[in-house]
Amino acid sequence: MHISKIFLEFEYYPANQYSYHFDSTTTGPNDTRYSLAITKYQRPYTQYFLRFSTTKGLINSADPNETDLVSQLLSIRMMIHKHISCTNEAYNDALIEFFYKYGFFSNPNNDLLNVSRDSINSFLDLLFYIVEIRKTLSSETGLTNKSCKYLLSIITNMLFLKINNYEFDITSFHLPYCMVRTDSRMYDSFDDIDAEIRKSKIMEIDANQLSEDEWEYYYAAKDIILNLQEYLEKHCSPEEVQITNFYRTHIIDGHFSLETNKSTKKTSIVFNGSDLTDFKKEIVDISNTVCNYFFSQAFKESPILLNSQLNRDAIEHNLKQNVYNLGDALLLSLLYFDPTSQEFKKCELDTCSNYFIASKNNTKKIYCCRAHARTAATKKFRELN
C-alpha cells in the first residue's frame, strides 16, 4: 500500500518546563565525566508540535525554515570528532541549547533526572548509524566489498551501544550487558549468566574470588557469541539472535573476527581479507534488522490513524501518527525518510560540523549555507594563486 501523505505529529514541552545543566566529575588525569541534570519547574507550559516533511525531515511547525532536528543533532555529534576544533564546554552548550528548545529525548518521570553524557553520545551515535546504514543500502552503485565492510563496522558499533529504557524509553541490544559480570546482576533476564559462563569454555577466573578492586569483569564479545548460543537464544530478542548467529557463522568460517580491547572495553570487527560481497544478501538483511529493532520500539508507543480517501479515479492513503517523546519522533522520522531521493549531507567546509538535507539529484549542494560556499571558494582561489 502506497502512503500518499504522512503526518507525524509530536507534542512536546518547551524550556519553561525544565532546566538543564551539565555536572562534571574528574576521576583521573584527562578523565572527566559529564552528566546532564534535568530539573522540572512547576510552571504552566504551552503545547508545541513537530511535524515530519518528506522533503524537510522532522521540523518545528512554528518555524518550517529551521534546520531539521536530525541534522541539528548530527551537527552537534560532529563537534567532538577529531577534525573539528571544539571544547567539551562548547559541545555541552550546544546540547543544552538543543534541549532548551526541543526538550530531552524522553519525558523525565521525576523532578530531577541525571543522564550520563556517554548515554547521550550513544543516542546521537544511534541516529548517525541508522542514517549511514540506510544511505549505504540505497546507493545506486550497489554494495561493494568496501561498503559491506562499512556496514558491518556500523552494525558492530550498534550492537554494543548502551542505551537504557529509563533514560531514553528505548533499549539497546543486551549483548554488552552479558559481557560485564556486575551489570548482568541488574537485569532479571541475566541472573544466571555467571552459571552459564562457568559451564562454558570462557571462564578465565573464579568470579566468586573477585576482590573489591575487581568488582567488574569483562568477557570478550567473541567468546560470548561463540560459546553461549543457547543462552543468547533463550534470553535475547529475535533480532539479536539473528545478528549473533550471523557473527558466529562467519567468525567460525574465518571471514572476520571480533576483538574486545581489555583497556577500553570497546569491541571492533577485524576483517580477514574475504570478499564480503559473497554474503551481500545476509549483510543487507541484518542491516535492516538492526534498524528495525529500534524503529519497532518507537513505533510501539505511537498510535496510528490511517485515513483512506477513495474517489472515482484515485485513492489516497494518509497516515497520521501521534508521538509522545522526542526520541521516538527522531527515530520515526528516519523510518519515514526516503534515502533513495533525499540524503543527509555533511557540509564540505573543513571547519564546519553542520549537516543538512538535500535532494540526491542536487549534486551541487555541498555546503550548508552560501557563506560557507563563498568561504570555500575563496580558500580554493588562494590555494591556486
Protein backbone atom coordinates (compact mmCIF):
# COMPACT_ATOMS: atom_id res chain seq x y z
CA MET A 1 0.00 0.00 0.00
CA HIS A 2 1.42 3.36 -1.01
CA ILE A 3 1.11 6.12 1.61
CA SER A 4 0.34 9.43 -0.09
CA LYS A 5 0.99 11.65 2.93
CA ILE A 6 2.49 11.13 6.37
CA PHE A 7 1.51 13.32 9.30
CA LEU A 8 3.95 12.68 12.12
CA GLU A 9 2.79 14.89 14.97
CA PHE A 10 4.70 15.28 18.20
CA GLU A 11 3.61 17.23 21.26
CA TYR A 12 6.47 18.43 23.47
CA TYR A 13 7.11 20.73 26.39
CA PRO A 14 9.40 23.75 25.95
CA ALA A 15 12.16 25.26 28.08
CA ASN A 16 9.90 26.86 30.67
CA GLN A 17 9.09 23.36 31.96
CA TYR A 18 12.66 22.05 32.53
CA SER A 19 16.11 23.35 33.35
CA TYR A 20 19.28 21.71 32.01
CA HIS A 21 22.92 21.85 33.06
CA PHE A 22 25.96 19.56 32.96
CA ASP A 23 27.78 18.44 36.10
CA SER A 24 31.36 17.16 35.83
CA THR A 25 33.40 14.67 37.86
CA THR A 26 37.15 14.19 37.41
CA THR A 27 38.14 10.58 38.02
CA GLY A 28 41.79 10.83 36.94
CA PRO A 29 44.25 12.63 34.65
CA ASN A 30 42.46 13.59 31.43
CA ASP A 31 39.36 11.71 32.56
CA THR A 32 36.38 13.99 33.19
CA ARG A 33 32.88 12.52 33.21
CA TYR A 34 29.82 14.66 32.47
CA SER A 35 26.18 14.11 33.40
CA LEU A 36 23.13 16.12 32.37
CA ALA A 37 20.94 17.26 35.27
CA ILE A 38 17.29 17.84 34.30
CA THR A 39 15.20 19.77 36.80
CA LYS A 40 11.45 20.21 36.49
CA TYR A 41 9.84 23.57 37.20
CA GLN A 42 6.25 23.88 38.39
CA ARG A 43 5.20 26.32 35.70
CA PRO A 44 2.43 26.40 33.11
CA TYR A 45 3.51 25.04 29.76
CA THR A 46 2.45 25.54 26.18
CA GLN A 47 1.99 22.66 23.76
CA TYR A 48 4.29 22.74 20.74
CA PHE A 49 4.37 20.45 17.73
CA LEU A 50 6.96 18.96 15.45
CA ARG A 51 5.93 17.62 12.09
CA PHE A 52 7.53 15.37 9.51
CA SER A 53 8.04 16.59 5.95
CA THR A 54 9.16 14.20 3.21
CA THR A 55 11.46 16.90 1.84
CA LYS A 56 12.49 18.69 5.06
CA GLY A 57 12.54 15.90 7.65
CA LEU A 58 11.43 16.46 11.26
CA ILE A 59 10.88 20.19 11.68
CA ASN A 60 9.37 22.69 14.10
CA SER A 61 5.83 23.52 12.99
CA ALA A 62 6.26 27.10 14.19
CA ASP A 63 9.39 27.65 12.08
CA PRO A 64 9.38 25.49 8.92
CA ASN A 65 12.54 27.20 7.62
CA GLU A 66 14.55 25.90 10.56
CA THR A 67 17.07 23.09 10.01
CA ASP A 68 15.54 19.67 10.67
CA LEU A 69 16.19 18.16 14.10
CA VAL A 70 18.15 15.11 12.94
CA SER A 71 20.59 17.34 11.03
CA GLN A 72 20.95 19.55 14.09
CA LEU A 73 21.88 16.55 16.25
CA LEU A 74 24.25 15.10 13.64
CA SER A 75 25.95 18.51 13.55
CA ILE A 76 26.32 18.55 17.34
CA ARG A 77 27.68 14.99 17.29
CA MET A 78 30.31 16.01 14.73
CA MET A 79 31.59 18.75 17.07
CA ILE A 80 33.54 16.28 19.22
CA HIS A 81 35.15 14.45 16.32
CA LYS A 82 38.87 14.93 15.94
CA HIS A 83 38.99 17.14 12.87
CA ILE A 84 36.60 19.71 14.32
CA SER A 85 38.15 22.06 16.89
CA CYS A 86 35.67 22.05 19.77
CA THR A 87 35.91 22.12 23.56
CA ASN A 88 33.83 19.99 25.92
CA GLU A 89 32.17 23.18 27.12
CA ALA A 90 31.13 24.19 23.59
CA TYR A 91 29.75 20.70 22.97
CA ASN A 92 27.81 20.73 26.25
CA ASP A 93 26.45 24.20 25.47
CA ALA A 94 25.22 23.02 22.05
CA LEU A 95 23.39 20.09 23.64
CA ILE A 96 21.82 22.31 26.31
CA GLU A 97 20.69 24.84 23.69
CA PHE A 98 19.01 21.99 21.78
CA PHE A 99 17.31 20.63 24.93
CA TYR A 100 16.04 24.06 25.94
CA LYS A 101 14.49 24.43 22.52
CA TYR A 102 13.01 20.96 21.99
CA GLY A 103 13.20 19.16 25.34
CA PHE A 104 15.05 15.95 26.26
CA PHE A 105 14.76 12.73 24.22
CA SER A 106 12.42 11.12 26.75
CA ASN A 107 9.88 12.62 29.15
CA PRO A 108 11.53 12.80 32.61
CA ASN A 109 9.45 10.95 35.20
CA ASN A 110 10.90 12.58 38.30
CA ASP A 111 11.56 16.15 39.42
CA LEU A 112 15.28 15.60 38.83
CA LEU A 113 16.91 13.23 36.37
CA ASN A 114 20.63 12.74 35.77
CA VAL A 115 21.74 11.30 32.46
CA SER A 116 25.32 10.37 31.64
CA ARG A 117 26.72 12.29 28.68
CA ASP A 118 28.10 8.99 27.42
CA SER A 119 24.48 7.79 27.13
CA ILE A 120 23.54 10.95 25.21
CA ASN A 121 26.53 10.38 22.92
CA SER A 122 25.32 6.80 22.34
CA PHE A 123 21.89 8.04 21.28
CA LEU A 124 23.46 10.52 18.83
CA ASP A 125 25.64 7.68 17.52
CA LEU A 126 22.50 5.59 17.03
CA LEU A 127 20.92 8.29 14.84
CA PHE A 128 24.14 8.62 12.83
CA TYR A 129 24.48 4.85 12.33
CA ILE A 130 20.89 4.50 11.11
CA VAL A 131 21.38 7.38 8.66
CA GLU A 132 24.60 5.80 7.34
CA ILE A 133 23.13 2.29 7.04
CA ARG A 134 20.12 3.46 5.06
CA LYS A 135 22.24 5.77 2.91
CA THR A 136 24.63 2.91 2.08
CA LEU A 137 21.82 0.45 1.34
CA SER A 138 20.19 2.91 -1.05
CA SER A 139 23.37 3.62 -3.01
CA GLU A 140 22.80 3.48 -6.76
CA THR A 141 26.11 1.66 -7.28
CA GLY A 142 25.07 -1.27 -5.09
CA LEU A 143 27.13 -2.86 -2.34
CA THR A 144 30.86 -3.30 -2.89
CA ASN A 145 33.33 -5.12 -0.65
CA LYS A 146 34.23 -1.75 0.87
CA SER A 147 30.62 -0.78 1.62
CA CYS A 148 29.95 -4.26 3.07
CA LYS A 149 32.83 -3.73 5.48
CA TYR A 150 31.48 -0.28 6.35
CA LEU A 151 28.02 -1.68 7.09
CA LEU A 152 29.42 -4.45 9.30
CA SER A 153 31.58 -1.93 11.19
CA ILE A 154 28.48 0.19 11.88
CA ILE A 155 26.36 -2.82 12.88
CA THR A 156 29.10 -3.94 15.28
CA ASN A 157 29.12 -0.49 16.86
CA MET A 158 25.32 -0.52 17.16
CA LEU A 159 25.33 -3.97 18.73
CA PHE A 160 27.46 -2.66 21.61
CA LEU A 161 25.76 0.69 22.24
CA LYS A 162 24.43 1.08 25.77
CA ILE A 163 21.08 2.86 25.83
CA ASN A 164 18.65 2.07 28.63
CA ASN A 165 14.89 2.33 28.84
CA TYR A 166 14.92 4.52 31.96
CA GLU A 167 16.75 7.38 30.24
CA PHE A 168 15.51 7.10 26.65
CA ASP A 169 12.35 4.95 26.57
CA ILE A 170 14.19 2.59 24.20
CA THR A 171 16.56 -0.27 24.96
CA SER A 172 19.74 -1.21 23.14
CA PHE A 173 20.80 -4.79 22.46
CA HIS A 174 21.58 -6.83 25.58
CA LEU A 175 24.86 -8.39 24.45
CA PRO A 176 27.14 -5.74 26.06
CA TYR A 177 25.42 -6.34 29.41
CA CYS A 178 26.18 -10.06 29.14
CA MET A 179 29.86 -9.15 28.86
CA VAL A 180 30.01 -7.37 32.23
CA ARG A 181 29.51 -9.56 35.25
CA THR A 182 28.38 -6.74 37.57
CA ASP A 183 25.97 -5.27 35.00
CA SER A 184 24.32 -8.64 34.45
CA ARG A 185 23.08 -8.67 38.04
CA MET A 186 20.98 -5.56 37.30
CA TYR A 187 18.83 -7.40 34.76
CA ASP A 188 16.44 -10.15 35.84
CA SER A 189 16.80 -11.91 32.48
CA PHE A 190 20.56 -12.27 33.00
CA ASP A 191 20.61 -13.55 36.59
CA ASP A 192 22.05 -16.90 35.57
CA ILE A 193 24.72 -15.73 33.16
CA ASP A 194 27.52 -16.38 35.68
CA ALA A 195 26.48 -20.04 35.87
CA GLU A 196 26.43 -20.24 32.08
CA ILE A 197 29.89 -18.70 31.86
CA ARG A 198 31.25 -21.16 34.45
CA LYS A 199 29.91 -24.05 32.35
CA SER A 200 31.41 -22.62 29.15
CA LYS A 201 35.00 -22.57 27.94
CA ILE A 202 35.45 -18.86 28.56
CA MET A 203 35.77 -18.79 32.36
CA GLU A 204 39.24 -17.36 32.95
CA ILE A 205 38.92 -16.82 36.72
CA ASP A 206 36.64 -17.82 39.55
CA ALA A 207 34.10 -14.99 39.52
CA ASN A 208 33.42 -15.57 43.23
CA GLN A 209 37.04 -14.75 44.05
CA LEU A 210 36.95 -11.21 42.61
CA SER A 211 38.33 -8.67 45.07
CA GLU A 212 36.68 -5.32 45.75
CA ASP A 213 39.15 -3.74 43.32
CA GLU A 214 38.00 -6.17 40.61
CA TRP A 215 34.27 -5.66 41.02
CA GLU A 216 33.85 -5.53 37.23
CA TYR A 217 34.98 -8.33 34.98
CA TYR A 218 34.62 -8.17 31.21
CA TYR A 219 34.27 -11.14 28.91
CA ALA A 220 35.18 -10.81 25.24
CA ALA A 221 32.20 -10.43 22.89
CA LYS A 222 33.62 -13.08 20.55
CA ASP A 223 33.75 -15.64 23.40
CA ILE A 224 30.17 -14.85 24.45
CA ILE A 225 28.87 -15.20 20.87
CA LEU A 226 30.77 -18.43 20.14
CA ASN A 227 30.10 -20.24 23.40
CA LEU A 228 26.75 -19.05 24.72
CA GLN A 229 24.50 -19.59 21.70
CA GLU A 230 21.85 -21.49 23.67
CA TYR A 231 21.83 -18.84 26.41
CA LEU A 232 21.52 -15.94 23.92
CA GLU A 233 18.70 -17.68 22.06
CA LYS A 234 16.83 -18.12 25.33
CA HIS A 235 17.24 -14.60 26.73
CA CYS A 236 17.80 -12.19 23.83
CA SER A 237 15.49 -10.69 21.22
CA PRO A 238 14.96 -12.45 17.85
CA GLU A 239 16.86 -9.58 16.19
CA GLU A 240 19.89 -10.06 18.39
CA VAL A 241 19.81 -13.82 17.93
CA GLN A 242 19.77 -13.35 14.13
CA ILE A 243 22.74 -10.97 14.30
CA THR A 244 24.82 -13.02 16.75
CA ASN A 245 24.18 -16.18 14.68
CA PHE A 246 25.46 -14.29 11.62
CA TYR A 247 28.62 -13.27 13.51
CA ARG A 248 29.12 -16.79 14.90
CA THR A 249 28.89 -18.40 11.44
CA HIS A 250 31.34 -16.02 9.78
CA ILE A 251 33.79 -15.97 12.70
CA ILE A 252 33.93 -19.79 12.60
CA ASP A 253 34.35 -19.70 8.79
CA GLY A 254 37.21 -17.19 9.16
CA HIS A 255 35.66 -14.32 7.17
CA PHE A 256 36.11 -11.84 10.03
CA SER A 257 36.52 -11.75 13.80
CA LEU A 258 35.68 -9.60 16.82
CA GLU A 259 38.21 -8.09 19.21
CA THR A 260 37.38 -6.59 22.61
CA ASN A 261 40.02 -4.17 23.92
CA LYS A 262 40.70 -5.08 27.56
CA SER A 263 41.55 -1.49 28.43
CA THR A 264 38.74 0.46 26.72
CA LYS A 265 36.25 -2.47 26.68
CA LYS A 266 35.38 -1.46 23.10
CA THR A 267 34.58 -4.25 20.66
CA SER A 268 35.50 -3.87 16.99
CA ILE A 269 35.30 -6.06 13.91
CA VAL A 270 38.50 -7.28 12.23
CA PHE A 271 38.37 -8.34 8.57
CA ASN A 272 40.47 -11.21 7.23
CA GLY A 273 40.58 -10.38 3.53
CA SER A 274 37.44 -12.27 2.45
CA ASP A 275 35.25 -10.86 -0.32
CA LEU A 276 32.16 -9.92 1.67
CA THR A 277 30.02 -9.35 -1.42
CA ASP A 278 29.56 -13.13 -1.41
CA PHE A 279 27.37 -12.57 1.68
CA LYS A 280 25.73 -9.39 0.44
CA LYS A 281 22.15 -10.58 0.99
CA GLU A 282 22.88 -11.59 4.59
CA ILE A 283 24.51 -8.20 5.27
CA VAL A 284 21.52 -6.36 3.81
CA ASP A 285 19.19 -8.47 5.97
CA ILE A 286 20.98 -7.77 9.26
CA SER A 287 21.42 -4.10 8.31
CA ASN A 288 17.65 -3.80 8.06
CA THR A 289 17.16 -5.94 11.17
CA VAL A 290 19.32 -3.74 13.38
CA CYS A 291 17.47 -0.59 12.22
CA ASN A 292 14.05 -2.21 12.59
CA TYR A 293 14.92 -3.25 16.15
CA PHE A 294 14.98 0.42 17.16
CA PHE A 295 12.21 1.57 14.79
CA SER A 296 9.81 -1.01 16.24
CA GLN A 297 10.36 0.27 19.78
CA ALA A 298 9.50 3.83 18.72
CA PHE A 299 6.53 2.53 16.74
CA LYS A 300 5.12 0.57 19.67
CA GLU A 301 4.22 3.64 21.74
CA SER A 302 2.95 5.78 18.86
CA PRO A 303 -0.71 5.27 17.87
CA ILE A 304 -1.53 5.40 14.16
CA LEU A 305 -4.60 6.57 12.33
CA LEU A 306 -4.90 5.62 8.66
CA ASN A 307 -7.28 7.77 6.65
CA SER A 308 -8.09 6.33 3.22
CA GLN A 309 -9.86 8.53 0.63
CA LEU A 310 -11.31 6.90 -2.47
CA ASN A 311 -12.94 8.65 -5.40
CA ARG A 312 -13.72 7.60 -8.96
CA ASP A 313 -10.22 7.94 -10.40
CA ALA A 314 -7.81 7.85 -7.45
CA ILE A 315 -7.17 6.51 -3.97
CA GLU A 316 -5.17 8.32 -1.32
CA HIS A 317 -3.88 6.85 1.95
CA ASN A 318 -2.90 9.36 4.63
CA LEU A 319 -1.10 8.18 7.73
CA LYS A 320 -1.26 10.18 10.96
CA GLN A 321 0.89 9.16 13.90
CA ASN A 322 0.92 10.78 17.34
CA VAL A 323 4.29 10.60 19.07
CA TYR A 324 4.80 11.38 22.75
CA ASN A 325 8.55 11.75 23.21
CA LEU A 326 11.31 13.31 21.18
CA GLY A 327 13.47 10.16 20.89
CA ASP A 328 10.62 8.26 19.23
CA ALA A 329 9.88 11.21 16.93
CA LEU A 330 13.52 11.29 15.77
CA LEU A 331 13.62 7.55 15.10
CA LEU A 332 10.28 7.53 13.28
CA SER A 333 11.36 10.47 11.14
CA LEU A 334 14.29 8.32 9.97
CA LEU A 335 11.91 5.42 9.30
CA TYR A 336 9.76 7.60 7.02
CA PHE A 337 12.71 9.46 5.48
CA ASP A 338 13.30 8.28 1.89
CA PRO A 339 17.07 7.84 1.35
CA THR A 340 16.52 6.98 -2.31
CA SER A 341 15.54 10.59 -3.08
CA GLN A 342 16.92 12.65 -0.15
CA GLU A 343 20.11 12.44 1.89
CA PHE A 344 21.74 13.93 4.96
CA LYS A 345 24.89 15.70 3.82
CA LYS A 346 27.84 16.98 5.84
CA CYS A 347 28.98 20.47 4.88
CA GLU A 348 32.21 20.12 2.88
CA LEU A 349 33.86 23.13 4.50
CA ASP A 350 36.63 21.55 6.59
CA THR A 351 35.95 23.60 9.72
CA CYS A 352 32.17 23.14 9.68
CA SER A 353 30.31 20.36 11.51
CA ASN A 354 26.88 21.10 10.03
CA TYR A 355 24.58 18.57 8.37
CA PHE A 356 21.62 19.36 6.13
CA ILE A 357 19.06 17.55 3.96
CA ALA A 358 19.41 17.79 0.20
CA SER A 359 17.95 16.07 -2.83
CA LYS A 360 20.16 13.26 -4.16
CA ASN A 361 19.76 14.82 -7.61
CA ASN A 362 21.21 18.10 -6.40
CA THR A 363 24.91 17.24 -6.58
CA LYS A 364 25.90 20.93 -6.47
CA LYS A 365 24.52 21.39 -2.93
CA ILE A 366 27.62 20.54 -0.88
CA TYR A 367 27.70 23.39 1.64
CA CYS A 368 25.25 24.12 4.44
CA CYS A 369 24.91 27.82 3.53
CA ARG A 370 26.00 30.41 0.98
CA ALA A 371 28.51 31.91 3.40
CA HIS A 372 30.40 28.61 3.63
CA ALA A 373 30.26 28.16 -0.15
CA ARG A 374 31.91 31.60 -0.51
CA THR A 375 34.50 30.77 2.17
CA ALA A 376 35.41 27.52 0.39
CA ALA A 377 35.63 29.29 -2.98
CA THR A 378 37.90 31.99 -1.53
CA LYS A 379 40.14 29.36 0.07
CA LYS A 380 40.39 27.43 -3.20
CA PHE A 381 41.20 30.63 -5.13
CA ARG A 382 44.03 31.47 -2.71
CA GLU A 383 45.46 27.97 -2.98
CA LEU A 384 45.57 28.23 -6.77
CA ASN A 385 47.15 31.68 -6.86
